[in-house]
Protein backbone atom coordinates (compact mmCIF):
# COMPACT_ATOMS: atom_id res chain seq x y z
CA UNK A 1 25.19 -3.36 21.41
CA UNK A 2 22.41 -3.89 18.78
CA UNK A 3 20.70 -0.93 19.44
CA UNK A 4 23.86 1.46 18.73
CA UNK A 5 24.13 -0.86 15.24
CA UNK A 6 20.64 0.01 14.56
CA UNK A 7 21.55 3.91 14.96
CA UNK A 8 24.42 3.56 13.37
CA UNK A 9 22.85 2.00 10.21
CA UNK A 10 20.05 4.06 10.38
CA UNK A 11 21.83 7.61 10.63
CA UNK A 12 24.59 6.24 7.44
CA UNK A 13 21.57 5.15 5.33
CA UNK A 14 18.97 7.22 3.07
CA UNK A 15 16.23 7.12 6.06
CA UNK A 16 14.10 9.60 3.71
CA UNK A 17 13.61 6.99 1.01
CA UNK A 18 13.16 4.31 3.45
CA UNK A 19 10.62 5.97 4.87
CA UNK A 20 9.43 7.13 1.58
CA UNK A 21 8.79 3.54 0.60
CA UNK A 22 6.82 2.40 3.84
CA UNK A 23 4.81 4.99 3.05
CA UNK A 24 4.08 3.62 -0.67
CA UNK A 25 3.84 0.05 0.75
CA UNK A 26 1.27 1.37 3.24
CA UNK A 27 -0.71 3.77 0.13
CA UNK A 28 -0.78 -0.01 -1.60
CA UNK A 29 -2.24 -2.01 1.46
CA UNK A 30 -5.27 0.42 1.63
CA UNK A 31 -5.68 0.27 -2.09
CA UNK A 32 -5.73 -3.31 -2.43
CA UNK A 33 -8.44 -3.59 0.84
CA UNK A 34 -10.24 -1.72 -1.39
CA UNK A 35 -9.68 -3.09 -4.81
CA UNK A 36 -8.87 -7.09 -3.68
CA UNK A 37 -12.10 -7.92 -2.40
CA UNK A 38 -13.98 -6.67 -5.40
CA UNK A 39 -12.07 -8.98 -7.70
CA UNK A 40 -12.14 -11.86 -4.81
CA UNK A 41 -15.74 -11.61 -5.80
CA UNK A 42 -15.82 -11.21 -8.95
CA UNK A 43 -13.96 -14.60 -9.76
CA UNK A 44 -15.84 -16.63 -6.90
CA UNK A 45 -12.80 -16.85 -4.59
CA UNK A 46 -12.68 -15.98 -0.87
CA UNK A 47 -13.25 -12.89 -0.05
CA UNK A 48 -10.00 -12.21 1.62
CA UNK A 49 -8.19 -14.32 -1.10
CA UNK A 50 -5.68 -11.71 -2.33
CA UNK A 51 -5.65 -9.81 0.98
CA UNK A 52 -4.16 -12.44 2.81
CA UNK A 53 -1.66 -12.93 -0.18
CA UNK A 54 -0.57 -9.11 -0.39
CA UNK A 55 -0.31 -8.83 3.72
CA UNK A 56 1.59 -12.36 3.99
CA UNK A 57 4.19 -10.92 1.17
CA UNK A 58 4.27 -7.36 2.54
CA UNK A 59 5.14 -8.84 5.79
CA UNK A 60 8.23 -10.51 4.01
CA UNK A 61 9.06 -7.70 2.13
CA UNK A 62 9.73 -5.00 4.52
CA UNK A 63 11.94 -7.48 6.57
CA UNK A 64 13.54 -8.52 3.37
CA UNK A 65 14.17 -5.05 2.45
CA UNK A 66 15.59 -3.80 5.82
CA UNK A 67 17.74 -6.89 5.41
CA UNK A 68 19.42 -6.36 2.56
CA UNK A 69 19.76 -2.59 3.07
CA UNK A 70 22.62 -3.59 5.90
CA UNK A 71 23.98 -6.80 4.94
CA UNK A 72 28.12 -6.46 4.64
CA UNK A 73 28.57 -5.07 0.91
CA UNK A 74 31.17 -8.45 0.82
CA UNK A 75 28.36 -10.85 1.29
CA UNK A 76 25.86 -8.97 -1.90
CA UNK A 77 28.05 -10.44 -4.08
CA UNK A 78 28.16 -13.89 -3.62
CA UNK A 79 24.26 -13.71 -2.53
CA UNK A 80 23.48 -12.39 -6.13
CA UNK A 81 25.82 -15.21 -7.27
CA UNK A 82 23.61 -18.00 -5.44
CA UNK A 83 20.26 -16.10 -6.77
CA UNK A 84 20.93 -15.81 -10.21
CA UNK A 85 21.70 -19.25 -11.12
CA UNK A 86 19.02 -20.38 -8.63
CA UNK A 87 16.13 -18.73 -10.61
CA UNK A 88 17.81 -18.65 -14.29
CA UNK A 89 17.73 -22.56 -13.27
CA UNK A 90 13.89 -22.24 -12.84
CA UNK A 91 14.07 -19.72 -15.90
CA UNK A 92 15.16 -22.56 -18.20
CA UNK A 93 12.13 -24.94 -16.29
CA UNK A 94 9.56 -22.76 -16.93
CA UNK A 95 8.90 -23.99 -19.93
CA UNK A 96 8.31 -27.94 -18.44
CA UNK A 97 7.06 -27.19 -15.40
CA UNK A 98 5.34 -23.40 -15.37
CA UNK A 99 1.75 -22.93 -15.29
CA UNK A 100 0.19 -21.53 -18.49
CA UNK A 101 -2.01 -18.87 -18.23
CA UNK A 102 -3.43 -16.82 -21.15
CA UNK A 103 -0.74 -18.95 -23.30
CA UNK A 104 2.18 -17.53 -21.38
CA UNK A 105 4.50 -19.72 -18.97
CA UNK A 106 6.12 -17.17 -16.43
CA UNK A 107 4.48 -19.04 -13.27
CA UNK A 108 5.29 -21.63 -10.86
CA UNK A 109 3.27 -22.78 -7.94
CA UNK A 110 5.40 -22.88 -4.32
CA UNK A 111 2.76 -23.95 -1.89
CA UNK A 112 -0.22 -22.62 -3.00
CA UNK A 113 1.43 -19.06 -4.60
CA UNK A 114 2.23 -18.32 -7.93
CA UNK A 115 5.61 -16.67 -8.28
CA UNK A 116 7.21 -15.34 -11.46
CA UNK A 117 11.00 -16.31 -11.52
CA UNK A 118 11.64 -13.68 -13.84
CA UNK A 119 10.25 -10.95 -11.34
CA UNK A 120 13.27 -11.64 -8.68
CA UNK A 121 15.57 -13.01 -10.96
CA UNK A 122 15.96 -9.04 -12.78
CA UNK A 123 17.37 -8.39 -8.91
CA UNK A 124 20.30 -10.62 -8.85
CA UNK A 125 20.89 -10.02 -12.79
CA UNK A 126 21.62 -6.30 -11.87
CA UNK A 127 24.00 -6.77 -9.46
CA UNK A 128 25.71 -9.81 -11.93
CA UNK A 129 25.90 -7.21 -14.40
CA UNK A 130 27.51 -4.51 -12.19
CA UNK A 131 30.09 -7.03 -11.10
CA UNK A 132 30.96 -7.93 -14.76
CA UNK A 133 31.51 -4.17 -15.94
CA UNK A 134 33.10 -2.75 -12.70
CA UNK A 135 36.38 -5.98 -13.39
CA UNK A 136 37.77 -3.98 -15.82
CA UNK A 137 41.06 -4.75 -15.07
CA UNK A 138 40.53 -8.16 -15.36
CA UNK A 139 39.63 -7.83 -19.27
CA UNK A 140 42.74 -8.33 -21.95
CA UNK A 141 40.34 -5.75 -24.18
CA UNK A 142 38.17 -3.00 -22.52
CA UNK A 143 35.79 -3.54 -24.28
CA UNK A 144 35.02 -7.27 -23.45
CA UNK A 145 33.17 -6.63 -20.56
CA UNK A 146 30.20 -5.02 -22.67
CA UNK A 147 30.63 -8.33 -24.90
CA UNK A 148 30.16 -10.60 -22.14
CA UNK A 149 26.98 -8.65 -20.97
CA UNK A 150 25.82 -8.61 -24.04
CA UNK A 151 26.47 -12.36 -24.29
CA UNK A 152 24.70 -13.17 -20.97
CA UNK A 153 22.07 -10.90 -21.95
CA UNK A 154 20.89 -12.67 -25.30
CA UNK A 155 20.61 -15.77 -23.28
CA UNK A 156 18.36 -14.11 -20.77
CA UNK A 157 16.35 -12.76 -23.30
CA UNK A 158 15.64 -16.16 -25.58
CA UNK A 159 14.54 -17.50 -21.97
CA UNK A 160 12.03 -14.23 -21.44
CA UNK A 161 11.17 -14.74 -25.23
CA UNK A 162 10.56 -18.59 -24.77
CA UNK A 163 7.97 -17.74 -22.06
CA UNK A 164 6.85 -15.21 -23.73
CA UNK A 165 7.20 -12.45 -21.97
CA UNK A 166 7.82 -9.02 -24.59
CA UNK A 167 7.55 -6.73 -21.67
CA UNK A 168 10.05 -8.08 -19.32
CA UNK A 169 12.38 -8.69 -22.15
CA UNK A 170 12.29 -4.63 -22.97
CA UNK A 171 12.15 -3.75 -19.33
CA UNK A 172 15.64 -5.76 -18.36
CA UNK A 173 16.97 -4.88 -21.70
CA UNK A 174 16.51 -0.76 -21.24
CA UNK A 175 18.19 -1.07 -17.44
CA UNK A 176 21.15 -3.24 -18.66
CA UNK A 177 21.85 -1.05 -21.59
CA UNK A 178 21.47 2.05 -18.91
CA UNK A 179 24.12 0.20 -16.88
CA UNK A 180 26.57 -0.24 -19.71
CA UNK A 181 26.13 3.01 -21.05
CA UNK A 182 27.18 4.71 -17.57
CA UNK A 183 30.14 2.09 -17.75
CA UNK A 184 31.02 3.92 -20.69
CA UNK A 185 29.42 1.92 -23.54
CA UNK A 186 30.73 3.68 -27.01
CA UNK A 187 27.42 5.67 -29.26
CA UNK A 188 27.99 3.26 -31.74
CA UNK A 189 27.71 0.46 -29.60
CA UNK A 190 24.57 1.99 -28.21
CA UNK A 191 23.02 2.87 -31.53
CA UNK A 192 23.10 -1.02 -32.45
CA UNK A 193 21.77 -2.32 -29.80
CA UNK A 194 18.84 0.06 -29.78
CA UNK A 195 18.26 -1.35 -33.72
CA UNK A 196 18.27 -4.93 -32.51
CA UNK A 197 15.91 -3.70 -29.70
CA UNK A 198 14.14 -2.40 -32.40
CA UNK A 199 13.88 -5.36 -34.47
CA UNK A 200 13.18 -7.47 -31.61
CA UNK A 201 10.08 -5.50 -30.99
CA UNK A 202 8.69 -5.26 -34.84
CA UNK A 203 9.44 -9.05 -34.79
CA UNK A 204 7.12 -9.33 -31.58
CA UNK A 205 4.39 -7.60 -33.23
CA UNK A 206 4.63 -9.66 -36.65
CA UNK A 207 4.95 -13.40 -34.91
CA UNK A 208 3.14 -13.07 -31.39
CA UNK A 209 -0.44 -12.25 -31.32
CA UNK A 210 -1.08 -10.75 -27.97
CA UNK A 211 1.66 -8.18 -29.11
CA UNK A 212 -0.25 -7.30 -32.09
CA UNK A 213 -3.60 -7.03 -30.65
CA UNK A 214 -2.18 -4.63 -27.47
CA UNK A 215 -0.35 -2.42 -29.87
CA UNK A 216 -2.94 -2.36 -32.40
CA UNK A 217 -5.22 -1.93 -29.81
CA UNK A 218 -3.69 1.23 -28.61
CA UNK A 219 -2.81 2.62 -31.91
CA UNK A 220 -6.69 2.77 -32.36
CA UNK A 221 -7.30 4.47 -29.39
CA UNK A 222 -8.80 1.65 -26.90
CA UNK A 223 -11.45 1.57 -29.49
CA UNK A 224 -11.12 -2.14 -30.20
CA UNK A 225 -13.74 -5.09 -28.65
CA UNK A 226 -11.10 -6.96 -27.01
CA UNK A 227 -10.46 -6.90 -23.07
CA UNK A 228 -7.75 -4.49 -23.61
CA UNK A 229 -9.26 -2.13 -25.38
CA UNK A 230 -12.19 -2.20 -22.87
CA UNK A 231 -9.72 -1.66 -19.37
CA UNK A 232 -8.36 1.41 -21.20
CA UNK A 233 -11.72 3.15 -21.67
CA UNK A 234 -12.88 2.02 -17.70
CA UNK A 235 -9.51 3.55 -16.53
CA UNK A 236 -9.47 6.50 -18.38
CA UNK A 237 -13.24 7.30 -17.01
CA UNK A 238 -11.66 7.00 -13.72
CA UNK A 239 -9.87 9.65 -13.67
CA UNK A 240 -13.02 11.68 -15.21
CA UNK A 241 -15.19 10.22 -12.42
CA UNK A 242 -13.07 10.39 -9.27
CA UNK A 243 -12.35 14.12 -10.01
CA UNK A 244 -10.29 16.43 -7.55
CA UNK A 245 -10.92 14.96 -4.10
CA UNK A 246 -12.67 11.16 -5.44
CA UNK A 247 -15.99 9.83 -4.55
CA UNK A 248 -14.68 8.05 -0.99
CA UNK A 249 -13.01 5.21 -0.02
CA UNK A 250 -14.31 2.25 -1.10
CA UNK A 251 -17.16 3.54 -3.45
CA UNK A 252 -15.56 3.08 -6.41
CA UNK A 253 -17.27 1.11 -9.24
CA UNK A 254 -14.06 0.55 -11.71
CA UNK A 255 -12.57 -2.49 -9.60
CA UNK A 256 -15.70 -3.71 -10.09
CA UNK A 257 -15.27 -3.96 -13.80
CA UNK A 258 -11.48 -4.40 -14.58
CA UNK A 259 -9.93 -7.65 -14.43
CA UNK A 260 -6.73 -6.49 -13.45
CA UNK A 261 -7.89 -3.86 -11.19
CA UNK A 262 -5.77 -4.92 -8.11
CA UNK A 263 -2.26 -5.03 -10.37
CA UNK A 264 -2.03 -3.30 -13.47
CA UNK A 265 -4.61 -0.43 -12.90
CA UNK A 266 -4.28 -0.29 -9.21
CA UNK A 267 -3.52 3.61 -9.86
CA UNK A 268 -6.91 3.98 -11.77
CA UNK A 269 -8.74 2.65 -8.62
CA UNK A 270 -7.00 5.23 -6.63
CA UNK A 271 -8.04 8.11 -8.92
CA UNK A 272 -11.75 7.24 -8.70
CA UNK A 273 -11.77 6.86 -4.80
CA UNK A 274 -9.13 8.91 -3.43
CA UNK A 275 -9.01 11.56 -6.85
CA UNK A 276 -6.34 13.54 -8.39
CA UNK A 277 -5.23 15.19 -5.72
CA UNK A 278 -4.02 11.83 -3.93
CA UNK A 279 -2.59 10.52 -7.23
CA UNK A 280 -0.56 13.54 -7.68
CA UNK A 281 0.89 13.26 -4.04
CA UNK A 282 1.57 9.57 -5.13
CA UNK A 283 3.30 10.37 -8.25
CA UNK A 284 5.46 13.26 -5.71
CA UNK A 285 6.43 10.64 -3.73
CA UNK A 286 7.70 8.74 -6.37
CA UNK A 287 9.71 11.50 -8.23
CA UNK A 288 11.39 12.40 -4.69
CA UNK A 289 12.48 8.83 -4.63
CA UNK A 290 13.88 8.88 -8.04
CA UNK A 291 15.58 12.07 -7.90
CA UNK A 292 17.26 11.42 -4.72
CA UNK A 293 18.08 8.21 -6.09
CA UNK A 294 20.05 9.95 -9.16
CA UNK A 295 21.87 12.60 -6.33
CA UNK A 296 23.24 9.66 -4.47
CA UNK A 297 23.90 7.85 -7.68
CA UNK A 298 26.25 11.24 -8.30
CA UNK A 299 28.55 11.14 -5.62
CA UNK A 300 29.20 7.31 -5.50
CA UNK A 301 33.11 6.73 -6.42
CA UNK A 302 32.75 2.95 -6.47
CA UNK A 303 31.41 1.93 -9.75
CA UNK A 304 30.20 -1.13 -8.47
CA UNK A 305 28.08 0.57 -5.86
CA UNK A 306 27.02 3.36 -8.83
CA UNK A 307 25.67 0.27 -11.21
CA UNK A 308 23.73 -1.40 -8.52
CA UNK A 309 22.06 1.58 -7.52
CA UNK A 310 21.47 2.86 -11.31
CA UNK A 311 19.80 -0.09 -11.85
CA UNK A 312 17.77 -0.34 -9.07
CA UNK A 313 16.37 3.23 -9.62
CA UNK A 314 15.92 2.52 -13.07
CA UNK A 315 13.91 -0.46 -12.15
CA UNK A 316 11.76 1.41 -10.03
CA UNK A 317 11.78 4.91 -12.50
CA UNK A 318 10.63 2.67 -15.23
CA UNK A 319 7.77 -0.01 -13.88
CA UNK A 320 6.00 3.02 -12.14
CA UNK A 321 6.25 5.57 -15.00
CA UNK A 322 4.49 2.79 -17.17
CA UNK A 323 2.34 1.06 -14.89
CA UNK A 324 0.76 5.16 -13.99
CA UNK A 325 1.33 5.58 -18.22
CA UNK A 326 -1.14 2.45 -19.31
CA UNK A 327 -4.02 3.82 -17.23
CA UNK A 328 -3.85 7.05 -19.01
CA UNK A 329 -3.90 5.41 -22.08
CA UNK A 330 -0.16 6.61 -22.60
CA UNK A 331 1.21 3.23 -23.47
CA UNK A 332 0.33 -0.02 -24.52
CA UNK A 333 -0.99 -2.15 -21.82
CA UNK A 334 0.97 -4.71 -20.48
CA UNK A 335 1.11 -6.74 -17.00
CA UNK A 336 3.25 -4.27 -15.65
CA UNK A 337 2.82 -3.22 -11.62
CA UNK A 338 3.14 -0.28 -9.85
CA UNK A 339 5.78 -0.91 -7.20
CA UNK A 340 5.07 -1.83 -3.64
CA UNK A 341 1.62 -0.65 -4.88
CA UNK A 342 0.04 -3.32 -6.30
CA UNK A 343 -0.74 -6.59 -5.70
CA UNK A 344 1.64 -9.22 -6.74
CA UNK A 345 4.04 -10.75 -4.48
CA UNK A 346 6.96 -11.47 -6.77
CA UNK A 347 6.60 -8.10 -7.93
CA UNK A 348 6.97 -6.96 -4.01
CA UNK A 349 9.97 -9.51 -3.41
CA UNK A 350 11.66 -8.20 -6.26
CA UNK A 351 11.41 -4.40 -5.36
CA UNK A 352 12.25 -5.43 -1.51
CA UNK A 353 15.57 -6.55 -2.65
CA UNK A 354 16.09 -3.93 -5.06
CA UNK A 355 15.31 -1.22 -3.26
CA UNK A 356 17.31 -2.77 -0.23
CA UNK A 357 20.65 -2.84 -2.43
CA UNK A 358 19.89 0.83 -3.33
CA UNK A 359 20.05 2.00 -0.10
CA UNK A 360 22.71 -0.33 1.10
CA UNK A 361 25.51 0.70 -1.45
CA UNK A 362 24.47 4.34 -1.34
CA UNK A 363 25.51 3.81 2.48
CA UNK A 364 27.17 7.19 3.57
CA UNK A 365 29.81 7.06 6.36
CA UNK A 366 28.38 10.07 8.33
CA UNK A 367 29.18 8.10 11.73
CA UNK A 368 32.51 7.16 10.47
CA UNK A 369 32.91 11.16 9.42
CA UNK A 370 31.71 12.19 13.25
CA UNK A 371 34.00 9.97 14.80
CA UNK A 372 37.46 11.34 12.71
CA UNK A 373 36.13 15.20 13.63
CA UNK A 374 36.01 14.63 17.34
CA UNK A 375 39.45 12.60 17.63
CA UNK A 376 41.18 15.83 15.45
CA UNK A 377 39.17 18.32 17.83
CA UNK A 378 40.83 15.73 20.61
CA UNK A 379 44.73 16.20 18.98
CA UNK A 380 44.14 19.93 18.31
CA UNK A 381 43.15 20.78 22.17
CA UNK A 382 45.73 18.08 23.44
CA UNK A 383 48.45 20.51 21.22
CA UNK A 384 47.23 24.35 22.42
CA UNK A 385 47.34 22.43 26.16
């Protein structure tokens, strides 16, 4: 019975995307095994410190991905509401109980691990926005759902700015705006919201010192003497040193030079040790997941499923593009992980939930269609006889 249900589930889901996601996890594990010990050595902790944590979260994320890809759709809303409320409360408490790192309070210490509530929050928040956007019939005015989304999003932005986490603010805002656009948000409203986001961006540049430094360093082509300028220089150099085929697994030097070589700059480690050809393969895998995602979204008729799937793919696409772009000095440095590849437990859990939801809501009814076709054929045969 269980085996038949598993077969039916696997036959109905986008098994290609699931396989590509598992491959990304395996690639990440290999790269972490190379980069993490160097980081551990630099900060004088146990050799297996980051390896242990990464593989622990990996062992949790794979079952979590499979769980969210198979739970009944009727449960998704209830789980999302519960997760949203719990994590929203944690984000409210961050200024008081959060760990301060580099002037920001974004993490909570739990049993020796640091969890970032906003990372996991974005997965459940995407479902809440989808629930609001799909329920047009209950609103007295057709634009009321957009107004509610904006009010709720303003509260979320406020909590993120208090931390502060400007990068997460931009990311969540971009994905939420994408959901609202697909739901029919008028162009005038989109223009207004974009102006507000630009205004907040200028405000962050003028008032947040770390944002100012990163943007100025980016505009000066990484010529500044700060840590971020140094990291960008070493990252770009790793692509040159790696060439086409790389200098060999474990033989790289950039991981000893970059403080964030196992997180933000993991792709630079891949470029140096595995070469440009390997990086192209990884980019093709990411591109295949995104393209398949958009094709799956286009065939969805259920609005809730469409908004949830869109959010998951947009988060995956934005973070992948931004992370790789930072290592090539195409964007200002920001602590954005490469999904399923970078070290980061909160990010791993978040994307396990997001992509599990994506696979869930894009499931087809191929098994049902086959059964229906068999019944039709039986009826035709009986009539002929």
